[in-house]
């Protein structure tokens, strides 16, 4: 939800992430890197976690945490340079 000048704008972004089949060694290696700590879903798709992913359907920025495309649709005036 975005509120600009008292106007509430809402939208929905859906993204499906399909993970690869991983061997036990691959799982252990990922855990050893500790990148998963403090991460929603236990991985960071913008770094080493991308090696776990087979396919993404939708917005990568939505997986990272902010659906930039949707934000632009809801509030394009935020993207104007002054």
PDB file of N, CA and C in Angstrom:
ATOM      1  N   UNK A   1       0.843  -1.169   0.000  1.00  0.00           N
ATOM      2  CA  UNK A   1       0.000   0.000   0.000  1.00  0.00           C
ATOM      3  C   UNK A   1       0.891   1.235   0.000  1.00  0.00           C
ATOM      4  N   UNK A   2       0.505   2.192  -0.800  1.00  0.00           N
ATOM      5  CA  UNK A   2       1.178   3.488  -0.877  1.00  0.00           C
ATOM      6  C   UNK A   2       0.120   4.539  -0.594  1.00  0.00           C
ATOM      7  N   UNK A   3       0.456   5.518   0.239  1.00  0.00           N
ATOM      8  CA  UNK A   3      -0.450   6.631   0.506  1.00  0.00           C
ATOM      9  C   UNK A   3       0.246   7.910   0.065  1.00  0.00           C
ATOM     10  N   UNK A   4      -0.334   8.572  -0.915  1.00  0.00           N
ATOM     11  CA  UNK A   4       0.196   9.837  -1.415  1.00  0.00           C
ATOM     12  C   UNK A   4      -0.906  10.876  -1.397  1.00  0.00           C
ATOM     13  N   UNK A   5      -0.644  11.986  -0.739  1.00  0.00           N
ATOM     14  CA  UNK A   5      -1.614  13.075  -0.640  1.00  0.00           C
ATOM     15  C   UNK A   5      -2.966  12.574  -0.147  1.00  0.00           C
ATOM     16  N   UNK A   6      -2.945  11.654   0.808  1.00  0.00           N
ATOM     17  CA  UNK A   6      -4.172  11.125   1.392  1.00  0.00           C
ATOM     18  C   UNK A   6      -4.856  10.049   0.560  1.00  0.00           C
ATOM     19  N   UNK A   7      -4.331   9.757  -0.621  1.00  0.00           N
ATOM     20  CA  UNK A   7      -4.920   8.732  -1.486  1.00  0.00           C
ATOM     21  C   UNK A   7      -4.205   7.402  -1.255  1.00  0.00           C
ATOM     22  N   UNK A   8      -4.988   6.375  -0.958  1.00  0.00           N
ATOM     23  CA  UNK A   8      -4.440   5.041  -0.731  1.00  0.00           C
ATOM     24  C   UNK A   8      -4.447   4.246  -2.034  1.00  0.00           C
ATOM     25  N   UNK A   9      -3.289   3.713  -2.378  1.00  0.00           N
ATOM     26  CA  UNK A   9      -3.164   2.911  -3.597  1.00  0.00           C
ATOM     27  C   UNK A   9      -2.617   1.536  -3.194  1.00  0.00           C
ATOM     28  N   UNK A  10      -3.265   0.496  -3.696  1.00  0.00           N
ATOM     29  CA  UNK A  10      -2.834  -0.850  -3.347  1.00  0.00           C
ATOM     30  C   UNK A  10      -2.641  -1.695  -4.598  1.00  0.00           C
ATOM     31  N   UNK A  11      -1.865  -2.737  -4.454  1.00  0.00           N
ATOM     32  CA  UNK A  11      -1.616  -3.652  -5.554  1.00  0.00           C
ATOM     33  C   UNK A  11      -1.108  -4.968  -5.011  1.00  0.00           C
ATOM     34  N   UNK A  12      -0.988  -5.937  -5.890  1.00  0.00           N
ATOM     35  CA  UNK A  12      -0.523  -7.264  -5.508  1.00  0.00           C
ATOM     36  C   UNK A  12       0.476  -7.747  -6.543  1.00  0.00           C
ATOM     37  N   UNK A  13       1.604  -8.233  -6.082  1.00  0.00           N
ATOM     38  CA  UNK A  13       2.631  -8.800  -6.955  1.00  0.00           C
ATOM     39  C   UNK A  13       2.855 -10.243  -6.511  1.00  0.00           C
ATOM     40  N   UNK A  14       2.779 -11.172  -7.447  1.00  0.00           N
ATOM     41  CA  UNK A  14       3.014 -12.587  -7.136  1.00  0.00           C
ATOM     42  C   UNK A  14       4.244 -13.065  -7.877  1.00  0.00           C
ATOM     43  N   UNK A  15       5.065 -13.800  -7.163  1.00  0.00           N
ATOM     44  CA  UNK A  15       6.267 -14.372  -7.754  1.00  0.00           C
ATOM     45  C   UNK A  15       6.398 -15.801  -7.267  1.00  0.00           C
ATOM     46  N   UNK A  16       6.624 -16.716  -8.187  1.00  0.00           N
ATOM     47  CA  UNK A  16       6.832 -18.128  -7.841  1.00  0.00           C
ATOM     48  C   UNK A  16       8.308 -18.456  -8.022  1.00  0.00           C
ATOM     49  N   UNK A  17       8.898 -19.038  -6.989  1.00  0.00           N
ATOM     50  CA  UNK A  17      10.295 -19.453  -7.031  1.00  0.00           C
ATOM     51  C   UNK A  17      10.321 -20.973  -6.953  1.00  0.00           C
ATOM     52  N   UNK A  18      10.955 -21.593  -7.942  1.00  0.00           N
ATOM     53  CA  UNK A  18      11.110 -23.047  -7.956  1.00  0.00           C
ATOM     54  C   UNK A  18      12.567 -23.360  -7.653  1.00  0.00           C
ATOM     55  N   UNK A  19      12.780 -24.174  -6.640  1.00  0.00           N
ATOM     56  CA  UNK A  19      14.132 -24.527  -6.237  1.00  0.00           C
ATOM     57  C   UNK A  19      14.609 -25.789  -6.945  1.00  0.00           C
ATOM     58  N   UNK A  20      15.917 -25.878  -7.119  1.00  0.00           N
ATOM     59  CA  UNK A  20      16.539 -27.057  -7.719  1.00  0.00           C
ATOM     60  C   UNK A  20      16.485 -28.224  -6.732  1.00  0.00           C
ATOM     61  N   UNK A  21      16.590 -29.427  -7.258  1.00  0.00           N
ATOM     62  CA  UNK A  21      16.826 -30.589  -6.419  1.00  0.00           C
ATOM     63  C   UNK A  21      18.290 -30.508  -6.010  1.00  0.00           C
ATOM     64  N   UNK A  22      18.554 -30.512  -4.719  1.00  0.00           N
ATOM     65  CA  UNK A  22      19.923 -30.363  -4.230  1.00  0.00           C
ATOM     66  C   UNK A  22      20.401 -31.643  -3.569  1.00  0.00           C
ATOM     67  N   UNK A  23      21.658 -31.936  -3.769  1.00  0.00           N
ATOM     68  CA  UNK A  23      22.263 -33.078  -3.073  1.00  0.00           C
ATOM     69  C   UNK A  23      22.509 -32.676  -1.618  1.00  0.00           C
ATOM     70  N   UNK A  24      22.769 -33.644  -0.792  1.00  0.00           N
ATOM     71  CA  UNK A  24      23.084 -33.351   0.614  1.00  0.00           C
ATOM     72  C   UNK A  24      24.338 -32.486   0.702  1.00  0.00           C
ATOM     73  N   UNK A  25      25.317 -32.752  -0.153  1.00  0.00           N
ATOM     74  CA  UNK A  25      26.556 -31.958  -0.150  1.00  0.00           C
ATOM     75  C   UNK A  25      26.282 -30.505  -0.509  1.00  0.00           C
ATOM     76  N   UNK A  26      25.410 -30.271  -1.485  1.00  0.00           N
ATOM     77  CA  UNK A  26      25.057 -28.895  -1.868  1.00  0.00           C
ATOM     78  C   UNK A  26      24.332 -28.179  -0.736  1.00  0.00           C
ATOM     79  N   UNK A  27      23.450 -28.883  -0.066  1.00  0.00           N
ATOM     80  CA  UNK A  27      22.735 -28.294   1.080  1.00  0.00           C
ATOM     81  C   UNK A  27      23.710 -27.938   2.194  1.00  0.00           C
ATOM     82  N   UNK A  28      24.591 -28.855   2.503  1.00  0.00           N
ATOM     83  CA  UNK A  28      25.569 -28.619   3.573  1.00  0.00           C
ATOM     84  C   UNK A  28      26.480 -27.441   3.231  1.00  0.00           C
ATOM     85  N   UNK A  29      26.924 -27.364   1.972  1.00  0.00           N
ATOM     86  CA  UNK A  29      27.792 -26.256   1.553  1.00  0.00           C
ATOM     87  C   UNK A  29      27.068 -24.920   1.736  1.00  0.00           C
ATOM     88  N   UNK A  30      25.798 -24.853   1.347  1.00  0.00           N
ATOM     89  CA  UNK A  30      25.046 -23.605   1.504  1.00  0.00           C
ATOM     90  C   UNK A  30      24.897 -23.230   2.977  1.00  0.00           C
ATOM     91  N   UNK A  31      24.598 -24.208   3.800  1.00  0.00           N
ATOM     92  CA  UNK A  31      24.453 -23.947   5.235  1.00  0.00           C
ATOM     93  C   UNK A  31      25.769 -23.452   5.828  1.00  0.00           C
ATOM     94  N   UNK A  32      26.878 -24.024   5.409  1.00  0.00           N
ATOM     95  CA  UNK A  32      28.194 -23.626   5.930  1.00  0.00           C
ATOM     96  C   UNK A  32      28.532 -22.168   5.633  1.00  0.00           C
ATOM     97  N   UNK A  33      28.047 -21.620   4.534  1.00  0.00           N
ATOM     98  CA  UNK A  33      28.309 -20.224   4.194  1.00  0.00           C
ATOM     99  C   UNK A  33      27.580 -19.250   5.117  1.00  0.00           C
ATOM    100  N   UNK A  34      26.563 -19.725   5.837  1.00  0.00           N
ATOM    101  CA  UNK A  34      25.801 -18.926   6.814  1.00  0.00           C
ATOM    102  C   UNK A  34      25.042 -17.755   6.199  1.00  0.00           C
ATOM    103  N   UNK A  35      24.910 -17.718   4.892  1.00  0.00           N
ATOM    104  CA  UNK A  35      24.165 -16.636   4.244  1.00  0.00           C
ATOM    105  C   UNK A  35      22.683 -16.681   4.616  1.00  0.00           C
ATOM    106  N   UNK A  36      22.202 -17.835   4.943  1.00  0.00           N
ATOM    107  CA  UNK A  36      20.788 -18.038   5.255  1.00  0.00           C
ATOM    108  C   UNK A  36      20.385 -17.372   6.563  1.00  0.00           C
ATOM    109  N   UNK A  37      21.333 -17.106   7.449  1.00  0.00           N
ATOM    110  CA  UNK A  37      21.002 -16.561   8.767  1.00  0.00           C
ATOM    111  C   UNK A  37      20.333 -15.192   8.645  1.00  0.00           C
ATOM    112  N   UNK A  38      19.212 -15.042   9.304  1.00  0.00           N
ATOM    113  CA  UNK A  38      18.500 -13.767   9.309  1.00  0.00           C
ATOM    114  C   UNK A  38      17.762 -13.461   8.022  1.00  0.00           C
ATOM    115  N   UNK A  39      17.616 -14.443   7.161  1.00  0.00           N
ATOM    116  CA  UNK A  39      16.951 -14.237   5.874  1.00  0.00           C
ATOM    117  C   UNK A  39      15.550 -14.810   5.897  1.00  0.00           C
ATOM    118  N   UNK A  40      14.626 -14.063   5.373  1.00  0.00           N
ATOM    119  CA  UNK A  40      13.277 -14.570   5.205  1.00  0.00           C
ATOM    120  C   UNK A  40      13.323 -15.698   4.190  1.00  0.00           C
ATOM    121  N   UNK A  41      12.833 -16.857   4.550  1.00  0.00           N
ATOM    122  CA  UNK A  41      12.882 -18.003   3.658  1.00  0.00           C
ATOM    123  C   UNK A  41      14.203 -18.748   3.702  1.00  0.00           C
ATOM    124  N   UNK A  42      15.181 -18.234   4.425  1.00  0.00           N
ATOM    125  CA  UNK A  42      16.455 -18.924   4.587  1.00  0.00           C
ATOM    126  C   UNK A  42      17.416 -18.807   3.415  1.00  0.00           C
ATOM    127  N   UNK A  43      17.193 -17.867   2.513  1.00  0.00           N
ATOM    128  CA  UNK A  43      18.119 -17.683   1.398  1.00  0.00           C
ATOM    129  C   UNK A  43      18.051 -16.245   0.915  1.00  0.00           C
ATOM    130  N   UNK A  44      19.104 -15.836   0.205  1.00  0.00           N
ATOM    131  CA  UNK A  44      19.160 -14.493  -0.386  1.00  0.00           C
ATOM    132  C   UNK A  44      19.336 -14.667  -1.884  1.00  0.00           C
ATOM    133  N   UNK A  45      18.269 -14.474  -2.623  1.00  0.00           N
ATOM    134  CA  UNK A  45      18.306 -14.728  -4.065  1.00  0.00           C
ATOM    135  C   UNK A  45      19.261 -13.798  -4.800  1.00  0.00           C
ATOM    136  N   UNK A  46      19.593 -12.658  -4.218  1.00  0.00           N
ATOM    137  CA  UNK A  46      20.472 -11.700  -4.880  1.00  0.00           C
ATOM    138  C   UNK A  46      21.942 -12.063  -4.730  1.00  0.00           C
ATOM    139  N   UNK A  47      22.243 -13.140  -4.027  1.00  0.00           N
ATOM    140  CA  UNK A  47      23.643 -13.552  -3.909  1.00  0.00           C
ATOM    141  C   UNK A  47      23.722 -15.079  -4.013  1.00  0.00           C
ATOM    142  N   UNK A  48      24.402 -15.734  -3.099  1.00  0.00           N
ATOM    143  CA  UNK A  48      24.639 -17.169  -3.200  1.00  0.00           C
ATOM    144  C   UNK A  48      23.351 -17.988  -3.281  1.00  0.00           C
ATOM    145  N   UNK A  49      22.292 -17.500  -2.693  1.00  0.00           N
ATOM    146  CA  UNK A  49      21.010 -18.209  -2.744  1.00  0.00           C
ATOM    147  C   UNK A  49      20.490 -18.415  -4.153  1.00  0.00           C
ATOM    148  N   UNK A  50      20.960 -17.614  -5.096  1.00  0.00           N
ATOM    149  CA  UNK A  50      20.530 -17.779  -6.484  1.00  0.00           C
ATOM    150  C   UNK A  50      20.957 -19.136  -7.044  1.00  0.00           C
ATOM    151  N   UNK A  51      21.990 -19.735  -6.477  1.00  0.00           N
ATOM    152  CA  UNK A  51      22.440 -21.043  -6.949  1.00  0.00           C
ATOM    153  C   UNK A  51      21.469 -22.153  -6.564  1.00  0.00           C
ATOM    154  N   UNK A  52      20.535 -21.857  -5.670  1.00  0.00           N
ATOM    155  CA  UNK A  52      19.541 -22.837  -5.231  1.00  0.00           C
ATOM    156  C   UNK A  52      18.301 -22.841  -6.118  1.00  0.00           C
ATOM    157  N   UNK A  53      18.177 -21.813  -6.952  1.00  0.00           N
ATOM    158  CA  UNK A  53      16.942 -21.567  -7.697  1.00  0.00           C
ATOM    159  C   UNK A  53      17.016 -22.140  -9.109  1.00  0.00           C
ATOM    160  N   UNK A  54      15.978 -22.855  -9.481  1.00  0.00           N
ATOM    161  CA  UNK A  54      15.861 -23.377 -10.848  1.00  0.00           C
ATOM    162  C   UNK A  54      15.149 -22.393 -11.757  1.00  0.00           C
ATOM    163  N   UNK A  55      14.075 -21.762 -11.223  1.00  0.00           N
ATOM    164  CA  UNK A  55      13.244 -20.902 -12.068  1.00  0.00           C
ATOM    165  C   UNK A  55      12.519 -19.860 -11.210  1.00  0.00           C
ATOM    166  N   UNK A  56      12.329 -18.683 -11.800  1.00  0.00           N
ATOM    167  CA  UNK A  56      11.545 -17.621 -11.166  1.00  0.00           C
ATOM    168  C   UNK A  56      10.468 -17.200 -12.153  1.00  0.00           C
ATOM    169  N   UNK A  57       9.240 -17.145 -11.682  1.00  0.00           N
ATOM    170  CA  UNK A  57       8.138 -16.649 -12.506  1.00  0.00           C
ATOM    171  C   UNK A  57       7.590 -15.415 -11.805  1.00  0.00           C
ATOM    172  N   UNK A  58       7.883 -14.263 -12.372  1.00  0.00           N
ATOM    173  CA  UNK A  58       7.445 -13.014 -11.770  1.00  0.00           C
ATOM    174  C   UNK A  58       8.620 -12.093 -11.521  1.00  0.00           C
ATOM    175  N   UNK A  59       8.487 -11.270 -10.531  1.00  0.00           N
ATOM    176  CA  UNK A  59       9.431 -10.197 -10.249  1.00  0.00           C
ATOM    177  C   UNK A  59      10.515 -10.631  -9.265  1.00  0.00           C
ATOM    178  N   UNK A  60      11.773 -10.533  -9.688  1.00  0.00           N
ATOM    179  CA  UNK A  60      12.890 -10.821  -8.779  1.00  0.00           C
ATOM    180  C   UNK A  60      12.917  -9.795  -7.652  1.00  0.00           C
ATOM    181  N   UNK A  61      12.615  -8.539  -7.958  1.00  0.00           N
ATOM    182  CA  UNK A  61      12.637  -7.515  -6.904  1.00  0.00           C
ATOM    183  C   UNK A  61      11.588  -7.806  -5.832  1.00  0.00           C
ATOM    184  N   UNK A  62      10.528  -8.483  -6.190  1.00  0.00           N
ATOM    185  CA  UNK A  62       9.521  -8.881  -5.207  1.00  0.00           C
ATOM    186  C   UNK A  62      10.090  -9.911  -4.237  1.00  0.00           C
ATOM    187  N   UNK A  63      10.913 -10.806  -4.735  1.00  0.00           N
ATOM    188  CA  UNK A  63      11.540 -11.817  -3.879  1.00  0.00           C
ATOM    189  C   UNK A  63      12.535 -11.158  -2.936  1.00  0.00           C
ATOM    190  N   UNK A  64      13.268 -10.187  -3.438  1.00  0.00           N
ATOM    191  CA  UNK A  64      14.262  -9.491  -2.622  1.00  0.00           C
ATOM    192  C   UNK A  64      13.580  -8.682  -1.518  1.00  0.00           C
ATOM    193  N   UNK A  65      12.399  -8.147  -1.800  1.00  0.00           N
ATOM    194  CA  UNK A  65      11.687  -7.448  -0.739  1.00  0.00           C
ATOM    195  C   UNK A  65      10.876  -6.248  -1.152  1.00  0.00           C
ATOM    196  N   UNK A  66      11.117  -5.686  -2.328  1.00  0.00           N
ATOM    197  CA  UNK A  66      10.347  -4.526  -2.767  1.00  0.00           C
ATOM    198  C   UNK A  66      10.008  -4.690  -4.241  1.00  0.00           C
ATOM    199  N   UNK A  67       8.743  -4.911  -4.558  1.00  0.00           N
ATOM    200  CA  UNK A  67       8.360  -5.069  -5.967  1.00  0.00           C
ATOM    201  C   UNK A  67       8.394  -3.724  -6.687  1.00  0.00           C
ATOM    202  N   UNK A  68       9.544  -3.403  -7.251  1.00  0.00           N
ATOM    203  CA  UNK A  68       9.783  -2.089  -7.844  1.00  0.00           C
ATOM    204  C   UNK A  68       8.815  -1.800  -8.987  1.00  0.00           C
ATOM    205  N   UNK A  69       8.539  -2.801  -9.827  1.00  0.00           N
ATOM    206  CA  UNK A  69       7.608  -2.583 -10.935  1.00  0.00           C
ATOM    207  C   UNK A  69       6.227  -2.193 -10.458  1.00  0.00           C
ATOM    208  N   UNK A  70       5.740  -2.879  -9.424  1.00  0.00           N
ATOM    209  CA  UNK A  70       4.425  -2.559  -8.858  1.00  0.00           C
ATOM    210  C   UNK A  70       4.437  -1.178  -8.219  1.00  0.00           C
ATOM    211  N   UNK A  71       5.512  -0.863  -7.513  1.00  0.00           N
ATOM    212  CA  UNK A  71       5.613   0.464  -6.901  1.00  0.00           C
ATOM    213  C   UNK A  71       5.550   1.546  -7.975  1.00  0.00           C
ATOM    214  N   UNK A  72       6.208   1.326  -9.103  1.00  0.00           N
ATOM    215  CA  UNK A  72       6.167   2.294 -10.210  1.00  0.00           C
ATOM    216  C   UNK A  72       4.748   2.447 -10.752  1.00  0.00           C
ATOM    217  N   UNK A  73       4.015   1.335 -10.845  1.00  0.00           N
ATOM    218  CA  UNK A  73       2.625   1.409 -11.317  1.00  0.00           C
ATOM    219  C   UNK A  73       1.749   2.190 -10.340  1.00  0.00           C
ATOM    220  N   UNK A  74       1.956   1.969  -9.043  1.00  0.00           N
ATOM    221  CA  UNK A  74       1.126   2.621  -8.029  1.00  0.00           C
ATOM    222  C   UNK A  74       1.485   4.092  -7.829  1.00  0.00           C
ATOM    223  N   UNK A  75       2.758   4.415  -7.981  1.00  0.00           N
ATOM    224  CA  UNK A  75       3.192   5.780  -7.673  1.00  0.00           C
ATOM    225  C   UNK A  75       4.308   6.228  -8.614  1.00  0.00           C
ATOM    226  N   UNK A  76       4.015   6.392  -9.900  1.00  0.00           N
ATOM    227  CA  UNK A  76       5.067   6.784 -10.845  1.00  0.00           C
ATOM    228  C   UNK A  76       5.711   8.120 -10.504  1.00  0.00           C
ATOM    229  N   UNK A  77       4.993   8.964  -9.789  1.00  0.00           N
ATOM    230  CA  UNK A  77       5.552  10.268  -9.438  1.00  0.00           C
ATOM    231  C   UNK A  77       6.771  10.149  -8.502  1.00  0.00           C
ATOM    232  N   UNK A  78       6.933   8.989  -7.864  1.00  0.00           N
ATOM    233  CA  UNK A  78       8.112   8.780  -7.009  1.00  0.00           C
ATOM    234  C   UNK A  78       9.383   8.608  -7.836  1.00  0.00           C
ATOM    235  N   UNK A  79       9.231   8.321  -9.126  1.00  0.00           N
ATOM    236  CA  UNK A  79      10.366   8.036  -9.978  1.00  0.00           C
ATOM    237  C   UNK A  79      10.723   9.199 -10.910  1.00  0.00           C
ATOM    238  N   UNK A  80      10.280  10.373 -10.571  1.00  0.00           N
ATOM    239  CA  UNK A  80      10.560  11.566 -11.382  1.00  0.00           C
ATOM    240  C   UNK A  80      11.764  12.284 -10.775  1.00  0.00           C
ATOM    241  N   UNK A  81      12.756  12.570 -11.621  1.00  0.00           N
ATOM    242  CA  UNK A  81      13.923  13.316 -11.151  1.00  0.00           C
ATOM    243  C   UNK A  81      13.580  14.802 -11.130  1.00  0.00           C
ATOM    244  N   UNK A  82      14.050  15.453 -10.076  1.00  0.00           N
ATOM    245  CA  UNK A  82      13.781  16.888  -9.993  1.00  0.00           C
ATOM    246  C   UNK A  82      15.019  17.696 -10.247  1.00  0.00           C
TER     247      UNK A  82
END
